[in-house]
Amino acid sequence: MFPATQTQRVLDLASRQGLLRASDLDAIRVPRVVLTRLVATGRLDRVGRGLYRLPDQGSEHESLAAVATKVPQAVFCLLTALQFHELTTQLPRQVWIAMPRGSHAPRIDYPPVKMVQFTGDAYTAGIETVQRDGVLLRVYGVAKTVADCFKHRNKIGLDVALEALKEVRASHKVTMDEIWRYARICRVANVMRPYLEAIA
């Protein structure tokens, strides 16, 4: 039987962080086998390989928190960013992430991930950091996401990019100048120009 203090330290950490990695136990000097016991007794849920949370602590952002915990350099993009910013009616089957060019696709069993490689400013510009479920999520802002949708229209469909542009225009979440700025960074200003002029 494990000392109550070890069990309580793990549960306290899970409560603070939302999602707990097995490696997090090293910092509080608790053997990882405590996780197995807590899962067996129903005091923790295993949500993926090496990822745990308190029961009934799941949320709509749980899959994003799981990816951010495993792949901290990932930036949520395209369909996932559209859903995060409430700019689409679609529910993506995968979590879309941007990684620097040359990155290997992360090996994650939950949730399914779709990786897109970005370079230079197209990767670093427009990142917003928000906290959900005790985890920091890196997601592209609204204007950058719209420009990305036009850049990757062959992957997600031009109809999705146009829907996003119309939603942004109707909701006034960003200015046209911000969209133009990211259109230039993503090198899709010429592609977007007729659509932007049509709704201006």
N, C-alpha and C. Protein backbone atom coordinates (compact mmCIF):
# COMPACT_ATOMS: atom_id res chain seq x y z
N MET A 1 0.85 -1.19 0.00
CA MET A 1 0.00 0.00 0.00
C MET A 1 0.88 1.25 0.00
N PHE A 2 0.53 2.23 -0.80
CA PHE A 2 1.32 3.45 -0.89
C PHE A 2 0.91 4.42 0.19
N PRO A 3 1.86 5.18 0.71
CA PRO A 3 1.50 6.18 1.72
C PRO A 3 0.45 7.15 1.18
N ALA A 4 -0.46 7.52 2.06
CA ALA A 4 -1.53 8.44 1.66
C ALA A 4 -0.94 9.74 1.12
N THR A 5 0.20 10.13 1.66
CA THR A 5 0.80 11.40 1.20
C THR A 5 1.19 11.33 -0.27
N GLN A 6 1.71 10.20 -0.73
CA GLN A 6 2.07 10.06 -2.16
C GLN A 6 0.81 10.12 -3.02
N THR A 7 -0.21 9.39 -2.61
CA THR A 7 -1.47 9.39 -3.35
C THR A 7 -2.04 10.80 -3.41
N GLN A 8 -2.05 11.48 -2.27
CA GLN A 8 -2.63 12.83 -2.23
C GLN A 8 -1.82 13.81 -3.06
N ARG A 9 -0.49 13.66 -3.06
CA ARG A 9 0.35 14.56 -3.87
C ARG A 9 0.05 14.40 -5.36
N VAL A 10 -0.19 13.17 -5.79
CA VAL A 10 -0.52 12.93 -7.21
C VAL A 10 -1.89 13.53 -7.53
N LEU A 11 -2.87 13.30 -6.66
CA LEU A 11 -4.22 13.83 -6.91
C LEU A 11 -4.22 15.36 -6.88
N ASP A 12 -3.45 15.95 -5.97
CA ASP A 12 -3.35 17.42 -5.92
C ASP A 12 -2.73 17.97 -7.20
N LEU A 13 -1.69 17.29 -7.69
CA LEU A 13 -1.02 17.73 -8.92
C LEU A 13 -1.99 17.61 -10.10
N ALA A 14 -2.74 16.51 -10.16
CA ALA A 14 -3.72 16.33 -11.25
C ALA A 14 -4.79 17.42 -11.18
N SER A 15 -5.18 17.78 -9.97
CA SER A 15 -6.19 18.82 -9.79
C SER A 15 -5.69 20.17 -10.28
N ARG A 16 -4.41 20.48 -9.99
CA ARG A 16 -3.82 21.76 -10.40
C ARG A 16 -3.58 21.82 -11.91
N GLN A 17 -3.07 20.73 -12.47
CA GLN A 17 -2.63 20.75 -13.87
C GLN A 17 -3.72 20.38 -14.86
N GLY A 18 -4.74 19.69 -14.42
CA GLY A 18 -5.75 19.22 -15.37
C GLY A 18 -5.34 17.88 -15.96
N LEU A 19 -4.29 17.90 -16.78
CA LEU A 19 -3.74 16.67 -17.34
C LEU A 19 -2.40 16.40 -16.70
N LEU A 20 -2.15 15.15 -16.41
CA LEU A 20 -0.94 14.73 -15.71
C LEU A 20 -0.17 13.77 -16.60
N ARG A 21 1.12 14.01 -16.78
CA ARG A 21 1.98 13.07 -17.49
C ARG A 21 2.66 12.18 -16.46
N ALA A 22 2.97 10.97 -16.85
CA ALA A 22 3.67 10.07 -15.94
C ALA A 22 4.98 10.71 -15.48
N SER A 23 5.65 11.43 -16.38
CA SER A 23 6.94 12.05 -16.04
C SER A 23 6.80 13.16 -15.00
N ASP A 24 5.58 13.71 -14.83
CA ASP A 24 5.37 14.76 -13.83
C ASP A 24 5.60 14.25 -12.41
N LEU A 25 5.48 12.94 -12.22
CA LEU A 25 5.65 12.38 -10.88
C LEU A 25 7.10 12.46 -10.39
N ASP A 26 8.04 12.54 -11.35
CA ASP A 26 9.46 12.64 -10.97
C ASP A 26 9.69 13.89 -10.12
N ALA A 27 9.04 14.99 -10.49
CA ALA A 27 9.25 16.27 -9.79
C ALA A 27 8.74 16.23 -8.35
N ILE A 28 7.73 15.39 -8.09
CA ILE A 28 7.21 15.32 -6.71
C ILE A 28 7.68 14.05 -6.00
N ARG A 29 8.63 13.36 -6.63
CA ARG A 29 9.27 12.17 -6.04
C ARG A 29 8.28 11.10 -5.61
N VAL A 30 7.43 10.76 -6.56
CA VAL A 30 6.45 9.70 -6.34
C VAL A 30 6.67 8.64 -7.42
N PRO A 31 6.75 7.35 -7.05
CA PRO A 31 6.93 6.31 -8.06
C PRO A 31 5.74 6.25 -9.02
N ARG A 32 6.04 5.98 -10.28
CA ARG A 32 4.98 5.98 -11.30
C ARG A 32 3.95 4.88 -11.09
N VAL A 33 4.31 3.86 -10.35
CA VAL A 33 3.38 2.77 -10.10
C VAL A 33 2.15 3.26 -9.32
N VAL A 34 2.27 4.40 -8.64
CA VAL A 34 1.12 4.99 -7.94
C VAL A 34 0.01 5.31 -8.94
N LEU A 35 0.38 5.72 -10.16
CA LEU A 35 -0.62 6.02 -11.19
C LEU A 35 -1.46 4.78 -11.49
N THR A 36 -0.79 3.64 -11.63
CA THR A 36 -1.49 2.40 -11.92
C THR A 36 -2.52 2.09 -10.84
N ARG A 37 -2.13 2.25 -9.59
CA ARG A 37 -3.04 1.99 -8.47
C ARG A 37 -4.22 2.96 -8.49
N LEU A 38 -3.95 4.24 -8.77
CA LEU A 38 -5.03 5.24 -8.79
C LEU A 38 -6.01 4.98 -9.93
N VAL A 39 -5.51 4.51 -11.08
CA VAL A 39 -6.39 4.16 -12.20
C VAL A 39 -7.23 2.94 -11.83
N ALA A 40 -6.58 1.94 -11.22
CA ALA A 40 -7.28 0.70 -10.85
C ALA A 40 -8.40 0.96 -9.85
N THR A 41 -8.21 1.95 -8.97
CA THR A 41 -9.23 2.25 -7.97
C THR A 41 -10.22 3.32 -8.43
N GLY A 42 -10.07 3.78 -9.69
CA GLY A 42 -11.01 4.74 -10.25
C GLY A 42 -10.81 6.17 -9.81
N ARG A 43 -9.66 6.46 -9.19
CA ARG A 43 -9.42 7.84 -8.72
C ARG A 43 -8.73 8.68 -9.79
N LEU A 44 -8.21 8.04 -10.84
CA LEU A 44 -7.65 8.72 -12.01
C LEU A 44 -8.13 8.00 -13.26
N ASP A 45 -8.28 8.73 -14.36
CA ASP A 45 -8.60 8.13 -15.66
C ASP A 45 -7.36 8.24 -16.55
N ARG A 46 -7.09 7.17 -17.29
CA ARG A 46 -6.01 7.21 -18.28
C ARG A 46 -6.64 7.64 -19.60
N VAL A 47 -6.19 8.78 -20.16
CA VAL A 47 -6.80 9.31 -21.39
C VAL A 47 -5.93 9.09 -22.61
N GLY A 48 -4.73 8.59 -22.42
CA GLY A 48 -3.82 8.31 -23.52
C GLY A 48 -2.55 7.74 -22.93
N ARG A 49 -1.63 7.34 -23.80
CA ARG A 49 -0.39 6.77 -23.31
C ARG A 49 0.36 7.79 -22.46
N GLY A 50 0.50 7.48 -21.16
CA GLY A 50 1.24 8.37 -20.26
C GLY A 50 0.49 9.63 -19.87
N LEU A 51 -0.83 9.70 -20.14
CA LEU A 51 -1.63 10.89 -19.81
C LEU A 51 -2.80 10.50 -18.91
N TYR A 52 -2.96 11.26 -17.83
CA TYR A 52 -3.99 10.94 -16.83
C TYR A 52 -4.73 12.22 -16.43
N ARG A 53 -5.97 12.04 -15.94
CA ARG A 53 -6.73 13.16 -15.39
C ARG A 53 -7.68 12.63 -14.34
N LEU A 54 -8.19 13.56 -13.54
CA LEU A 54 -9.19 13.17 -12.55
C LEU A 54 -10.48 12.78 -13.27
N PRO A 55 -11.24 11.83 -12.73
CA PRO A 55 -12.53 11.48 -13.36
C PRO A 55 -13.44 12.70 -13.44
N ASP A 56 -14.24 12.77 -14.48
CA ASP A 56 -15.20 13.87 -14.68
C ASP A 56 -14.53 15.23 -14.85
N GLN A 57 -13.27 15.23 -15.23
CA GLN A 57 -12.58 16.50 -15.48
C GLN A 57 -12.43 16.78 -16.97
N GLY A 58 -13.03 15.94 -17.81
CA GLY A 58 -12.93 16.15 -19.25
C GLY A 58 -13.68 17.39 -19.67
N SER A 59 -13.28 17.97 -20.78
CA SER A 59 -13.96 19.16 -21.29
C SER A 59 -13.87 19.15 -22.80
N GLU A 60 -14.47 20.17 -23.43
CA GLU A 60 -14.43 20.25 -24.88
C GLU A 60 -13.00 20.47 -25.38
N HIS A 61 -12.12 20.94 -24.52
CA HIS A 61 -10.73 21.19 -24.93
C HIS A 61 -9.79 20.08 -24.49
N GLU A 62 -10.34 18.97 -24.02
CA GLU A 62 -9.49 17.91 -23.50
C GLU A 62 -8.52 17.38 -24.55
N SER A 63 -9.00 17.18 -25.78
CA SER A 63 -8.11 16.64 -26.81
C SER A 63 -6.98 17.64 -27.13
N LEU A 64 -7.29 18.94 -27.10
CA LEU A 64 -6.24 19.94 -27.35
C LEU A 64 -5.24 19.94 -26.21
N ALA A 65 -5.74 19.83 -24.98
CA ALA A 65 -4.85 19.79 -23.82
C ALA A 65 -3.95 18.57 -23.87
N ALA A 66 -4.50 17.44 -24.33
CA ALA A 66 -3.70 16.21 -24.44
C ALA A 66 -2.55 16.40 -25.43
N VAL A 67 -2.85 17.02 -26.58
CA VAL A 67 -1.80 17.25 -27.59
C VAL A 67 -0.78 18.26 -27.08
N ALA A 68 -1.26 19.36 -26.47
CA ALA A 68 -0.34 20.39 -25.98
C ALA A 68 0.59 19.85 -24.90
N THR A 69 0.09 18.93 -24.09
CA THR A 69 0.91 18.33 -23.04
C THR A 69 2.01 17.46 -23.64
N LYS A 70 1.66 16.71 -24.68
CA LYS A 70 2.62 15.79 -25.31
C LYS A 70 3.56 16.51 -26.28
N VAL A 71 3.05 17.54 -26.98
CA VAL A 71 3.83 18.22 -28.02
C VAL A 71 3.76 19.73 -27.78
N PRO A 72 4.55 20.24 -26.81
CA PRO A 72 4.43 21.65 -26.43
C PRO A 72 4.70 22.65 -27.56
N GLN A 73 5.50 22.26 -28.57
CA GLN A 73 5.81 23.20 -29.66
C GLN A 73 4.73 23.24 -30.74
N ALA A 74 3.71 22.39 -30.62
CA ALA A 74 2.62 22.37 -31.60
C ALA A 74 1.77 23.63 -31.47
N VAL A 75 1.31 24.13 -32.62
CA VAL A 75 0.39 25.27 -32.64
C VAL A 75 -0.88 24.79 -33.33
N PHE A 76 -2.03 24.94 -32.68
CA PHE A 76 -3.28 24.49 -33.27
C PHE A 76 -3.64 25.41 -34.44
N CYS A 77 -3.99 24.79 -35.55
CA CYS A 77 -4.18 25.56 -36.79
C CYS A 77 -5.38 25.04 -37.58
N LEU A 78 -5.64 25.72 -38.70
CA LEU A 78 -6.63 25.33 -39.69
C LEU A 78 -7.98 24.94 -39.05
N LEU A 79 -8.49 23.73 -39.31
CA LEU A 79 -9.83 23.38 -38.83
C LEU A 79 -9.95 23.42 -37.32
N THR A 80 -8.88 23.02 -36.62
CA THR A 80 -8.93 23.04 -35.15
C THR A 80 -8.97 24.48 -34.63
N ALA A 81 -8.18 25.37 -35.25
CA ALA A 81 -8.20 26.78 -34.84
C ALA A 81 -9.55 27.41 -35.18
N LEU A 82 -10.12 27.06 -36.34
CA LEU A 82 -11.45 27.58 -36.70
C LEU A 82 -12.48 27.17 -35.65
N GLN A 83 -12.44 25.90 -35.24
CA GLN A 83 -13.39 25.43 -34.23
C GLN A 83 -13.13 26.13 -32.90
N PHE A 84 -11.87 26.29 -32.53
CA PHE A 84 -11.51 26.94 -31.26
C PHE A 84 -12.08 28.36 -31.22
N HIS A 85 -11.97 29.08 -32.35
CA HIS A 85 -12.44 30.47 -32.42
C HIS A 85 -13.92 30.57 -32.79
N GLU A 86 -14.60 29.40 -32.88
CA GLU A 86 -16.03 29.36 -33.22
C GLU A 86 -16.32 30.01 -34.56
N LEU A 87 -15.52 29.62 -35.56
CA LEU A 87 -15.67 30.19 -36.90
C LEU A 87 -16.13 29.15 -37.92
N THR A 88 -16.49 27.98 -37.47
CA THR A 88 -16.94 26.95 -38.41
C THR A 88 -18.00 26.09 -37.75
N THR A 89 -18.83 25.50 -38.60
CA THR A 89 -19.83 24.56 -38.11
C THR A 89 -19.30 23.13 -38.17
N GLN A 90 -18.12 22.96 -38.79
CA GLN A 90 -17.55 21.63 -38.95
C GLN A 90 -16.87 21.16 -37.67
N LEU A 91 -16.95 19.85 -37.43
CA LEU A 91 -16.22 19.24 -36.32
C LEU A 91 -15.09 18.41 -36.92
N PRO A 92 -13.85 18.89 -36.80
CA PRO A 92 -12.75 18.14 -37.41
C PRO A 92 -12.58 16.77 -36.75
N ARG A 93 -12.30 15.77 -37.60
CA ARG A 93 -12.09 14.40 -37.09
C ARG A 93 -10.71 14.26 -36.46
N GLN A 94 -9.81 15.19 -36.79
CA GLN A 94 -8.45 15.15 -36.25
C GLN A 94 -8.12 16.51 -35.64
N VAL A 95 -7.11 16.53 -34.78
CA VAL A 95 -6.60 17.79 -34.25
C VAL A 95 -5.50 18.26 -35.20
N TRP A 96 -5.70 19.43 -35.79
CA TRP A 96 -4.74 19.98 -36.76
C TRP A 96 -3.69 20.79 -36.01
N ILE A 97 -2.42 20.47 -36.24
CA ILE A 97 -1.32 21.20 -35.61
C ILE A 97 -0.31 21.63 -36.65
N ALA A 98 0.30 22.79 -36.38
CA ALA A 98 1.42 23.27 -37.20
C ALA A 98 2.71 23.00 -36.44
N MET A 99 3.71 22.56 -37.17
CA MET A 99 5.04 22.32 -36.60
C MET A 99 6.06 22.92 -37.55
N PRO A 100 7.26 23.26 -37.03
CA PRO A 100 8.29 23.80 -37.92
C PRO A 100 8.69 22.78 -38.97
N ARG A 101 9.05 23.28 -40.16
CA ARG A 101 9.48 22.39 -41.25
C ARG A 101 10.61 21.49 -40.77
N GLY A 102 10.54 20.22 -41.15
CA GLY A 102 11.55 19.25 -40.75
C GLY A 102 11.18 18.48 -39.49
N SER A 103 10.04 18.84 -38.86
CA SER A 103 9.60 18.13 -37.66
C SER A 103 9.05 16.76 -38.05
N HIS A 104 9.21 15.82 -37.15
CA HIS A 104 8.60 14.51 -37.34
C HIS A 104 7.18 14.55 -36.78
N ALA A 105 6.29 13.81 -37.40
CA ALA A 105 4.92 13.75 -36.90
C ALA A 105 4.93 13.14 -35.51
N PRO A 106 4.25 13.77 -34.55
CA PRO A 106 4.24 13.22 -33.19
C PRO A 106 3.53 11.87 -33.15
N ARG A 107 4.04 10.99 -32.30
CA ARG A 107 3.42 9.67 -32.16
C ARG A 107 2.50 9.72 -30.95
N ILE A 108 1.22 9.93 -31.24
CA ILE A 108 0.21 10.08 -30.19
C ILE A 108 -0.92 9.11 -30.52
N ASP A 109 -1.33 8.32 -29.53
CA ASP A 109 -2.44 7.39 -29.79
C ASP A 109 -3.80 8.05 -29.58
N TYR A 110 -3.82 9.15 -28.81
CA TYR A 110 -5.07 9.88 -28.59
C TYR A 110 -4.73 11.35 -28.42
N PRO A 111 -5.44 12.23 -29.08
CA PRO A 111 -6.41 12.04 -30.16
C PRO A 111 -5.69 11.92 -31.50
N PRO A 112 -6.42 11.59 -32.60
CA PRO A 112 -5.76 11.57 -33.91
C PRO A 112 -5.29 12.98 -34.29
N VAL A 113 -4.08 13.07 -34.82
CA VAL A 113 -3.46 14.36 -35.13
C VAL A 113 -3.14 14.45 -36.61
N LYS A 114 -3.36 15.62 -37.19
CA LYS A 114 -2.97 15.92 -38.58
C LYS A 114 -1.95 17.05 -38.51
N MET A 115 -0.71 16.78 -38.92
CA MET A 115 0.35 17.79 -38.83
C MET A 115 0.59 18.46 -40.17
N VAL A 116 0.77 19.78 -40.13
CA VAL A 116 1.13 20.58 -41.29
C VAL A 116 2.43 21.29 -40.94
N GLN A 117 3.39 21.31 -41.88
CA GLN A 117 4.66 21.97 -41.59
C GLN A 117 4.65 23.40 -42.14
N PHE A 118 5.02 24.35 -41.28
CA PHE A 118 5.10 25.76 -41.64
C PHE A 118 6.56 26.19 -41.52
N THR A 119 6.93 27.26 -42.23
CA THR A 119 8.29 27.77 -42.13
C THR A 119 8.30 29.24 -41.74
N GLY A 120 9.39 29.67 -41.13
CA GLY A 120 9.63 31.08 -40.84
C GLY A 120 8.48 31.77 -40.15
N ASP A 121 8.15 32.98 -40.67
CA ASP A 121 7.06 33.78 -40.09
C ASP A 121 5.71 33.09 -40.18
N ALA A 122 5.53 32.26 -41.20
CA ALA A 122 4.25 31.55 -41.34
C ALA A 122 4.02 30.62 -40.15
N TYR A 123 5.12 30.17 -39.50
CA TYR A 123 4.98 29.34 -38.30
C TYR A 123 4.91 30.21 -37.04
N THR A 124 5.77 31.22 -36.93
CA THR A 124 5.91 31.96 -35.67
C THR A 124 4.90 33.10 -35.49
N ALA A 125 4.38 33.66 -36.57
CA ALA A 125 3.49 34.83 -36.46
C ALA A 125 2.08 34.43 -36.06
N GLY A 126 1.47 35.27 -35.25
CA GLY A 126 0.04 35.11 -34.94
C GLY A 126 -0.30 34.07 -33.90
N ILE A 127 0.69 33.60 -33.13
CA ILE A 127 0.41 32.59 -32.11
C ILE A 127 -0.16 33.26 -30.86
N GLU A 128 -1.27 32.73 -30.38
CA GLU A 128 -1.86 33.19 -29.12
C GLU A 128 -1.74 32.04 -28.12
N THR A 129 -1.47 32.38 -26.87
CA THR A 129 -1.38 31.37 -25.83
C THR A 129 -2.54 31.56 -24.86
N VAL A 130 -3.32 30.50 -24.69
CA VAL A 130 -4.48 30.55 -23.79
C VAL A 130 -4.42 29.34 -22.86
N GLN A 131 -5.00 29.49 -21.69
CA GLN A 131 -5.01 28.38 -20.74
C GLN A 131 -6.39 27.74 -20.69
N ARG A 132 -6.41 26.42 -20.86
CA ARG A 132 -7.64 25.64 -20.75
C ARG A 132 -7.32 24.38 -19.95
N ASP A 133 -8.15 24.06 -19.02
CA ASP A 133 -7.97 22.84 -18.21
C ASP A 133 -6.59 22.79 -17.57
N GLY A 134 -6.06 23.95 -17.19
CA GLY A 134 -4.76 23.99 -16.54
C GLY A 134 -3.59 23.78 -17.48
N VAL A 135 -3.83 23.77 -18.79
CA VAL A 135 -2.77 23.53 -19.77
C VAL A 135 -2.68 24.73 -20.71
N LEU A 136 -1.46 25.16 -21.03
CA LEU A 136 -1.27 26.25 -21.99
C LEU A 136 -1.42 25.72 -23.40
N LEU A 137 -2.33 26.32 -24.17
CA LEU A 137 -2.56 25.94 -25.56
C LEU A 137 -2.02 27.06 -26.45
N ARG A 138 -1.29 26.67 -27.48
CA ARG A 138 -0.82 27.63 -28.48
C ARG A 138 -1.69 27.46 -29.73
N VAL A 139 -2.38 28.53 -30.08
CA VAL A 139 -3.31 28.47 -31.22
C VAL A 139 -3.13 29.73 -32.05
N TYR A 140 -3.23 29.59 -33.37
CA TYR A 140 -3.14 30.78 -34.22
C TYR A 140 -4.38 31.63 -34.03
N GLY A 141 -4.17 32.96 -34.02
CA GLY A 141 -5.26 33.90 -33.88
C GLY A 141 -6.19 33.86 -35.08
N VAL A 142 -7.28 34.59 -34.99
CA VAL A 142 -8.33 34.56 -36.00
C VAL A 142 -7.82 34.97 -37.39
N ALA A 143 -7.16 36.12 -37.49
CA ALA A 143 -6.70 36.61 -38.80
C ALA A 143 -5.69 35.65 -39.43
N LYS A 144 -4.76 35.15 -38.63
CA LYS A 144 -3.76 34.20 -39.14
C LYS A 144 -4.43 32.91 -39.60
N THR A 145 -5.43 32.45 -38.86
CA THR A 145 -6.13 31.22 -39.22
C THR A 145 -6.83 31.35 -40.56
N VAL A 146 -7.47 32.51 -40.79
CA VAL A 146 -8.15 32.72 -42.07
C VAL A 146 -7.13 32.68 -43.22
N ALA A 147 -5.99 33.36 -43.05
CA ALA A 147 -4.96 33.34 -44.09
C ALA A 147 -4.43 31.92 -44.30
N ASP A 148 -4.24 31.17 -43.22
CA ASP A 148 -3.78 29.78 -43.33
C ASP A 148 -4.77 28.93 -44.11
N CYS A 149 -6.06 29.18 -43.91
CA CYS A 149 -7.08 28.41 -44.62
C CYS A 149 -6.98 28.62 -46.13
N PHE A 150 -6.68 29.84 -46.54
CA PHE A 150 -6.49 30.08 -47.98
C PHE A 150 -5.18 29.47 -48.46
N LYS A 151 -4.14 29.53 -47.65
CA LYS A 151 -2.85 28.94 -48.01
C LYS A 151 -2.99 27.42 -48.20
N HIS A 152 -3.78 26.80 -47.35
CA HIS A 152 -3.91 25.33 -47.39
C HIS A 152 -5.30 24.91 -47.89
N ARG A 153 -5.85 25.72 -48.82
CA ARG A 153 -7.20 25.45 -49.33
C ARG A 153 -7.27 24.09 -50.05
N ASN A 154 -6.14 23.60 -50.59
CA ASN A 154 -6.16 22.30 -51.26
C ASN A 154 -6.32 21.16 -50.25
N LYS A 155 -5.90 21.39 -49.00
CA LYS A 155 -6.03 20.37 -47.96
C LYS A 155 -7.41 20.39 -47.31
N ILE A 156 -7.96 21.59 -47.10
CA ILE A 156 -9.21 21.68 -46.33
C ILE A 156 -10.41 22.09 -47.17
N GLY A 157 -10.16 22.59 -48.37
CA GLY A 157 -11.25 23.01 -49.26
C GLY A 157 -11.44 24.51 -49.27
N LEU A 158 -11.61 25.07 -50.46
CA LEU A 158 -11.83 26.51 -50.61
C LEU A 158 -13.12 26.94 -49.92
N ASP A 159 -14.13 26.05 -49.91
CA ASP A 159 -15.40 26.39 -49.26
C ASP A 159 -15.22 26.66 -47.77
N VAL A 160 -14.31 25.92 -47.12
CA VAL A 160 -14.04 26.13 -45.69
C VAL A 160 -13.38 27.49 -45.49
N ALA A 161 -12.42 27.83 -46.35
CA ALA A 161 -11.72 29.12 -46.26
C ALA A 161 -12.70 30.27 -46.45
N LEU A 162 -13.60 30.14 -47.42
CA LEU A 162 -14.58 31.20 -47.69
C LEU A 162 -15.57 31.34 -46.54
N GLU A 163 -16.00 30.21 -45.97
CA GLU A 163 -16.91 30.25 -44.82
C GLU A 163 -16.24 30.98 -43.65
N ALA A 164 -14.96 30.68 -43.43
CA ALA A 164 -14.22 31.33 -42.33
C ALA A 164 -14.14 32.84 -42.56
N LEU A 165 -13.84 33.23 -43.80
CA LEU A 165 -13.73 34.66 -44.12
C LEU A 165 -15.07 35.37 -43.90
N LYS A 166 -16.15 34.74 -44.32
CA LYS A 166 -17.48 35.35 -44.14
C LYS A 166 -17.83 35.46 -42.65
N GLU A 167 -17.53 34.41 -41.89
CA GLU A 167 -17.81 34.42 -40.45
C GLU A 167 -17.03 35.54 -39.74
N VAL A 168 -15.76 35.68 -40.11
CA VAL A 168 -14.92 36.72 -39.50
C VAL A 168 -15.47 38.10 -39.82
N ARG A 169 -15.88 38.28 -41.07
CA ARG A 169 -16.42 39.57 -41.50
C ARG A 169 -17.71 39.88 -40.74
N ALA A 170 -18.58 38.87 -40.60
CA ALA A 170 -19.87 39.08 -39.94
C ALA A 170 -19.71 39.31 -38.43
N SER A 171 -18.72 38.66 -37.83
CA SER A 171 -18.56 38.75 -36.37
C SER A 171 -17.67 39.91 -35.93
N HIS A 172 -16.98 40.53 -36.89
CA HIS A 172 -16.07 41.65 -36.60
C HIS A 172 -15.00 41.26 -35.57
N LYS A 173 -14.53 40.00 -35.64
CA LYS A 173 -13.52 39.56 -34.67
C LYS A 173 -12.15 40.18 -34.95
N VAL A 174 -11.89 40.49 -36.21
CA VAL A 174 -10.63 41.14 -36.58
C VAL A 174 -10.90 42.16 -37.68
N THR A 175 -9.93 43.02 -37.92
CA THR A 175 -10.08 44.02 -38.98
C THR A 175 -9.57 43.46 -40.31
N MET A 176 -9.98 44.11 -41.37
CA MET A 176 -9.49 43.71 -42.70
C MET A 176 -7.97 43.91 -42.79
N ASP A 177 -7.48 44.95 -42.13
CA ASP A 177 -6.02 45.19 -42.14
C ASP A 177 -5.25 44.03 -41.53
N GLU A 178 -5.80 43.46 -40.45
CA GLU A 178 -5.13 42.30 -39.82
C GLU A 178 -5.13 41.11 -40.76
N ILE A 179 -6.24 40.90 -41.46
CA ILE A 179 -6.29 39.78 -42.41
C ILE A 179 -5.28 40.00 -43.53
N TRP A 180 -5.21 41.24 -44.05
CA TRP A 180 -4.24 41.55 -45.11
C TRP A 180 -2.81 41.29 -44.63
N ARG A 181 -2.53 41.68 -43.39
CA ARG A 181 -1.18 41.49 -42.84
C ARG A 181 -0.77 40.01 -42.89
N TYR A 182 -1.68 39.14 -42.42
CA TYR A 182 -1.35 37.71 -42.41
C TYR A 182 -1.43 37.09 -43.80
N ALA A 183 -2.26 37.66 -44.67
CA ALA A 183 -2.28 37.19 -46.06
C ALA A 183 -0.91 37.39 -46.70
N ARG A 184 -0.27 38.52 -46.37
CA ARG A 184 1.09 38.78 -46.91
C ARG A 184 2.12 37.85 -46.27
N ILE A 185 2.03 37.66 -44.95
CA ILE A 185 2.97 36.77 -44.26
C ILE A 185 2.86 35.35 -44.82
N CYS A 186 1.64 34.91 -45.09
CA CYS A 186 1.42 33.55 -45.60
C CYS A 186 1.53 33.47 -47.13
N ARG A 187 1.82 34.61 -47.75
CA ARG A 187 2.01 34.71 -49.21
C ARG A 187 0.78 34.26 -49.99
N VAL A 188 -0.37 34.70 -49.53
CA VAL A 188 -1.62 34.40 -50.25
C VAL A 188 -2.42 35.67 -50.52
N ALA A 189 -1.76 36.83 -50.49
CA ALA A 189 -2.46 38.10 -50.72
C ALA A 189 -3.14 38.10 -52.09
N ASN A 190 -2.44 37.61 -53.12
CA ASN A 190 -3.03 37.61 -54.47
C ASN A 190 -4.21 36.65 -54.56
N VAL A 191 -4.13 35.52 -53.87
CA VAL A 191 -5.23 34.55 -53.86
C VAL A 191 -6.44 35.14 -53.15
N MET A 192 -6.19 35.83 -52.03
CA MET A 192 -7.29 36.34 -51.21
C MET A 192 -7.87 37.65 -51.71
N ARG A 193 -7.11 38.39 -52.49
CA ARG A 193 -7.54 39.75 -52.90
C ARG A 193 -8.96 39.79 -53.45
N PRO A 194 -9.34 38.96 -54.45
CA PRO A 194 -10.71 39.09 -54.99
C PRO A 194 -11.79 38.81 -53.94
N TYR A 195 -11.53 37.89 -53.04
CA TYR A 195 -12.51 37.57 -51.99
C TYR A 195 -12.60 38.70 -50.97
N LEU A 196 -11.46 39.27 -50.61
CA LEU A 196 -11.46 40.38 -49.65
C LEU A 196 -12.13 41.61 -50.25
N GLU A 197 -11.86 41.86 -51.54
CA GLU A 197 -12.48 43.02 -52.20
C GLU A 197 -14.00 42.83 -52.32
N ALA A 198 -14.41 41.58 -52.51
CA ALA A 198 -15.84 41.28 -52.68
C ALA A 198 -16.63 41.55 -51.40
N ILE A 199 -15.98 41.33 -50.24
CA ILE A 199 -16.73 41.53 -48.99
C ILE A 199 -16.43 42.87 -48.35
N ALA A 200 -15.50 43.65 -48.93
CA ALA A 200 -15.12 44.95 -48.33
C ALA A 200 -16.27 45.94 -48.42
